[in-house]
Amino acid sequence: MIQRIQTLYFAASGLIMGLLAFFVSFFQSETGRKTLVDYPIFLTLFILSAILSFVALFMFKRRQLQVVLGRLNIILLFIVIGFLFYFWYENFGTDPKALGIGIFLPIVSVVLISLANRGVMQDEMMIRAADRLR
């Protein structure tokens, strides 16, 4: 399991999303920094994304399910990114100073999950090719 690079990608994505939910600031206003703990809907979505990453990580014997979970996680993250930018625009206008580093980290997670899905699909193709040769 650990020898597969996609395992590291899923683990990194899960850790980013899990830690992001509690420790990273998303919005900075005049009243102070805002984290996800201040917004329960975002907190729930980020924790759900972390759980999906770790569930996909441990489904290494069921590669097709791993790919499906990865795709669901990517869709969830795009929804979260859309909500974050909508929330930023509604509450802070177009003030770029209001953006924290946390609003960009879900994009890193999308890239990691995409790389993990690519690795899983390469494994699946390699196994199918080996089955054809038997």
C-alpha atoms as a PDB file:
ATOM      1  CA  MET A   1       0.000   0.000   0.000  1.00  0.00           C
ATOM      2  CA  ILE A   2       2.666   2.545   0.982  1.00  0.00           C
ATOM      3  CA  GLN A   3       4.815   1.713  -2.046  1.00  0.00           C
ATOM      4  CA  ARG A   4       2.221   3.249  -4.337  1.00  0.00           C
ATOM      5  CA  ILE A   5       2.659   6.972  -4.977  1.00  0.00           C
ATOM      6  CA  GLN A   6      -1.091   7.537  -5.064  1.00  0.00           C
ATOM      7  CA  THR A   7      -1.194   6.488  -1.415  1.00  0.00           C
ATOM      8  CA  LEU A   8       0.986   9.462  -0.576  1.00  0.00           C
ATOM      9  CA  TYR A   9      -1.172  11.744  -2.712  1.00  0.00           C
ATOM     10  CA  PHE A  10      -4.388  10.630  -0.994  1.00  0.00           C
ATOM     11  CA  ALA A  11      -2.739  10.934   2.440  1.00  0.00           C
ATOM     12  CA  ALA A  12      -1.384  14.416   1.697  1.00  0.00           C
ATOM     13  CA  SER A  13      -4.779  15.545   0.431  1.00  0.00           C
ATOM     14  CA  GLY A  14      -6.522  14.167   3.515  1.00  0.00           C
ATOM     15  CA  LEU A  15      -4.019  15.817   5.841  1.00  0.00           C
ATOM     16  CA  ILE A  16      -4.261  19.152   4.043  1.00  0.00           C
ATOM     17  CA  MET A  17      -8.046  19.130   4.217  1.00  0.00           C
ATOM     18  CA  GLY A  18      -8.153  17.903   7.820  1.00  0.00           C
ATOM     19  CA  LEU A  19      -5.632  20.410   9.114  1.00  0.00           C
ATOM     20  CA  LEU A  20      -7.038  23.161   6.944  1.00  0.00           C
ATOM     21  CA  ALA A  21     -10.387  22.825   8.656  1.00  0.00           C
ATOM     22  CA  PHE A  22      -9.024  23.863  12.038  1.00  0.00           C
ATOM     23  CA  PHE A  23      -5.741  25.741  11.757  1.00  0.00           C
ATOM     24  CA  VAL A  24      -5.611  27.912   8.641  1.00  0.00           C
ATOM     25  CA  SER A  25      -7.240  31.310   8.226  1.00  0.00           C
ATOM     26  CA  PHE A  26      -9.432  31.807   5.195  1.00  0.00           C
ATOM     27  CA  PHE A  27     -10.585  35.380   5.427  1.00  0.00           C
ATOM     28  CA  GLN A  28      -8.984  38.368   7.106  1.00  0.00           C
ATOM     29  CA  SER A  29     -11.239  41.264   7.967  1.00  0.00           C
ATOM     30  CA  GLU A  30     -10.866  44.331  10.124  1.00  0.00           C
ATOM     31  CA  THR A  31     -12.234  42.370  13.081  1.00  0.00           C
ATOM     32  CA  GLY A  32      -9.628  39.627  12.749  1.00  0.00           C
ATOM     33  CA  ARG A  33      -8.925  36.338  11.032  1.00  0.00           C
ATOM     34  CA  LYS A  34     -11.711  33.941  10.174  1.00  0.00           C
ATOM     35  CA  THR A  35     -11.168  30.200  10.189  1.00  0.00           C
ATOM     36  CA  LEU A  36     -13.515  27.411   9.202  1.00  0.00           C
ATOM     37  CA  VAL A  37     -14.556  26.910  12.803  1.00  0.00           C
ATOM     38  CA  ASP A  38     -16.412  30.211  12.416  1.00  0.00           C
ATOM     39  CA  TYR A  39     -18.417  28.771   9.477  1.00  0.00           C
ATOM     40  CA  PRO A  40     -19.869  25.311  10.232  1.00  0.00           C
ATOM     41  CA  ILE A  41     -20.941  24.554   6.651  1.00  0.00           C
ATOM     42  CA  PHE A  42     -17.372  24.954   5.387  1.00  0.00           C
ATOM     43  CA  LEU A  43     -16.019  22.976   8.325  1.00  0.00           C
ATOM     44  CA  THR A  44     -18.381  20.102   7.504  1.00  0.00           C
ATOM     45  CA  LEU A  45     -17.461  20.090   3.811  1.00  0.00           C
ATOM     46  CA  PHE A  46     -13.719  20.132   4.505  1.00  0.00           C
ATOM     47  CA  ILE A  47     -13.966  17.304   7.021  1.00  0.00           C
ATOM     48  CA  LEU A  48     -16.073  15.326   4.539  1.00  0.00           C
ATOM     49  CA  SER A  49     -13.373  15.858   1.920  1.00  0.00           C
ATOM     50  CA  ALA A  50     -10.668  14.656   4.324  1.00  0.00           C
ATOM     51  CA  ILE A  51     -12.740  11.572   5.160  1.00  0.00           C
ATOM     52  CA  LEU A  52     -13.247  10.813   1.452  1.00  0.00           C
ATOM     53  CA  SER A  53      -9.483  11.048   0.888  1.00  0.00           C
ATOM     54  CA  PHE A  54      -8.704   8.650   3.714  1.00  0.00           C
ATOM     55  CA  VAL A  55     -11.454   6.206   2.695  1.00  0.00           C
ATOM     56  CA  ALA A  56     -10.060   6.207  -0.855  1.00  0.00           C
ATOM     57  CA  LEU A  57      -6.598   5.652   0.608  1.00  0.00           C
ATOM     58  CA  PHE A  58      -7.669   2.456   2.350  1.00  0.00           C
ATOM     59  CA  MET A  59      -9.609   1.087  -0.641  1.00  0.00           C
ATOM     60  CA  PHE A  60      -6.361   0.075  -2.356  1.00  0.00           C
ATOM     61  CA  LYS A  61      -7.671  -3.385  -3.257  1.00  0.00           C
ATOM     62  CA  ARG A  62     -10.695  -1.907  -5.031  1.00  0.00           C
ATOM     63  CA  ARG A  63      -9.147   0.402  -7.580  1.00  0.00           C
ATOM     64  CA  GLN A  64     -12.349   1.330  -9.402  1.00  0.00           C
ATOM     65  CA  LEU A  65     -13.928   2.450  -6.124  1.00  0.00           C
ATOM     66  CA  GLN A  66     -10.782   4.448  -5.382  1.00  0.00           C
ATOM     67  CA  VAL A  67     -11.165   6.331  -8.658  1.00  0.00           C
ATOM     68  CA  VAL A  68     -14.867   6.971  -8.014  1.00  0.00           C
ATOM     69  CA  LEU A  69     -14.164   8.288  -4.509  1.00  0.00           C
ATOM     70  CA  GLY A  70     -11.407  10.496  -5.895  1.00  0.00           C
ATOM     71  CA  ARG A  71     -13.737  11.941  -8.503  1.00  0.00           C
ATOM     72  CA  LEU A  72     -16.444  12.564  -5.912  1.00  0.00           C
ATOM     73  CA  ASN A  73     -13.879  14.317  -3.758  1.00  0.00           C
ATOM     74  CA  ILE A  74     -12.790  16.526  -6.666  1.00  0.00           C
ATOM     75  CA  ILE A  75     -16.409  17.473  -7.365  1.00  0.00           C
ATOM     76  CA  LEU A  76     -16.924  18.238  -3.663  1.00  0.00           C
ATOM     77  CA  LEU A  77     -13.791  20.384  -3.608  1.00  0.00           C
ATOM     78  CA  PHE A  78     -14.870  22.369  -6.661  1.00  0.00           C
ATOM     79  CA  ILE A  79     -18.192  23.025  -4.931  1.00  0.00           C
ATOM     80  CA  VAL A  80     -16.331  24.120  -1.795  1.00  0.00           C
ATOM     81  CA  ILE A  81     -14.030  26.392  -3.803  1.00  0.00           C
ATOM     82  CA  GLY A  82     -17.059  27.945  -5.481  1.00  0.00           C
ATOM     83  CA  PHE A  83     -18.761  28.512  -2.124  1.00  0.00           C
ATOM     84  CA  LEU A  84     -15.579  30.029  -0.668  1.00  0.00           C
ATOM     85  CA  PHE A  85     -15.190  32.526  -3.496  1.00  0.00           C
ATOM     86  CA  TYR A  86     -18.904  33.343  -3.448  1.00  0.00           C
ATOM     87  CA  PHE A  87     -18.736  33.906   0.320  1.00  0.00           C
ATOM     88  CA  TRP A  88     -15.632  36.054  -0.104  1.00  0.00           C
ATOM     89  CA  TYR A  89     -17.255  38.142  -2.826  1.00  0.00           C
ATOM     90  CA  GLU A  90     -20.518  38.629  -0.882  1.00  0.00           C
ATOM     91  CA  ASN A  91     -18.863  39.582   2.404  1.00  0.00           C
ATOM     92  CA  PHE A  92     -15.671  41.338   1.388  1.00  0.00           C
ATOM     93  CA  GLY A  93     -16.304  42.567  -2.138  1.00  0.00           C
ATOM     94  CA  THR A  94     -13.261  42.271  -4.316  1.00  0.00           C
ATOM     95  CA  ASP A  95     -10.773  43.152  -1.583  1.00  0.00           C
ATOM     96  CA  PRO A  96      -7.756  40.892  -2.217  1.00  0.00           C
ATOM     97  CA  LYS A  97      -6.426  41.643   1.256  1.00  0.00           C
ATOM     98  CA  ALA A  98      -9.329  39.688   2.730  1.00  0.00           C
ATOM     99  CA  LEU A  99      -8.115  36.407   1.230  1.00  0.00           C
ATOM    100  CA  GLY A 100      -6.089  34.113   3.445  1.00  0.00           C
ATOM    101  CA  ILE A 101      -3.814  31.266   2.377  1.00  0.00           C
ATOM    102  CA  GLY A 102      -6.496  28.729   3.239  1.00  0.00           C
ATOM    103  CA  ILE A 103      -8.705  29.659   0.331  1.00  0.00           C
ATOM    104  CA  PHE A 104      -6.070  28.413  -2.139  1.00  0.00           C
ATOM    105  CA  LEU A 105      -5.136  25.122  -0.450  1.00  0.00           C
ATOM    106  CA  PRO A 106      -8.217  23.224  -1.716  1.00  0.00           C
ATOM    107  CA  ILE A 107      -6.809  23.757  -5.210  1.00  0.00           C
ATOM    108  CA  VAL A 108      -3.637  21.945  -4.102  1.00  0.00           C
ATOM    109  CA  SER A 109      -5.814  19.138  -2.802  1.00  0.00           C
ATOM    110  CA  VAL A 110      -7.626  18.888  -6.160  1.00  0.00           C
ATOM    111  CA  VAL A 111      -4.253  18.529  -7.904  1.00  0.00           C
ATOM    112  CA  LEU A 112      -3.119  15.841  -5.443  1.00  0.00           C
ATOM    113  CA  ILE A 113      -6.325  13.845  -5.858  1.00  0.00           C
ATOM    114  CA  SER A 114      -6.069  14.137  -9.647  1.00  0.00           C
ATOM    115  CA  LEU A 115      -2.519  12.772  -9.509  1.00  0.00           C
ATOM    116  CA  ALA A 116      -3.680   9.957  -7.229  1.00  0.00           C
ATOM    117  CA  ASN A 117      -6.495   9.054  -9.630  1.00  0.00           C
ATOM    118  CA  ARG A 118      -4.024   9.028 -12.487  1.00  0.00           C
ATOM    119  CA  GLY A 119      -1.773   6.635 -10.552  1.00  0.00           C
ATOM    120  CA  VAL A 120      -4.691   4.340  -9.722  1.00  0.00           C
ATOM    121  CA  MET A 121      -5.757   4.238 -13.373  1.00  0.00           C
ATOM    122  CA  GLN A 122      -2.177   3.426 -14.449  1.00  0.00           C
ATOM    123  CA  ASP A 123      -2.133   0.545 -11.947  1.00  0.00           C
ATOM    124  CA  GLU A 124      -5.442  -0.697 -13.317  1.00  0.00           C
ATOM    125  CA  MET A 125      -4.158  -0.566 -16.898  1.00  0.00           C
ATOM    126  CA  MET A 126      -0.984  -2.424 -15.890  1.00  0.00           C
ATOM    127  CA  ILE A 127      -2.986  -5.159 -14.159  1.00  0.00           C
ATOM    128  CA  ARG A 128      -5.325  -5.531 -17.139  1.00  0.00           C
ATOM    129  CA  ALA A 129      -2.327  -5.811 -19.465  1.00  0.00           C
ATOM    130  CA  ALA A 130      -0.802  -8.499 -17.247  1.00  0.00           C
ATOM    131  CA  ASP A 131      -4.118 -10.389 -17.221  1.00  0.00           C
ATOM    132  CA  ARG A 132      -4.208 -10.293 -21.015  1.00  0.00           C
ATOM    133  CA  LEU A 133      -0.780 -11.908 -21.195  1.00  0.00           C
ATOM    134  CA  ARG A 134      -1.766 -14.903 -19.067  1.00  0.00           C
END
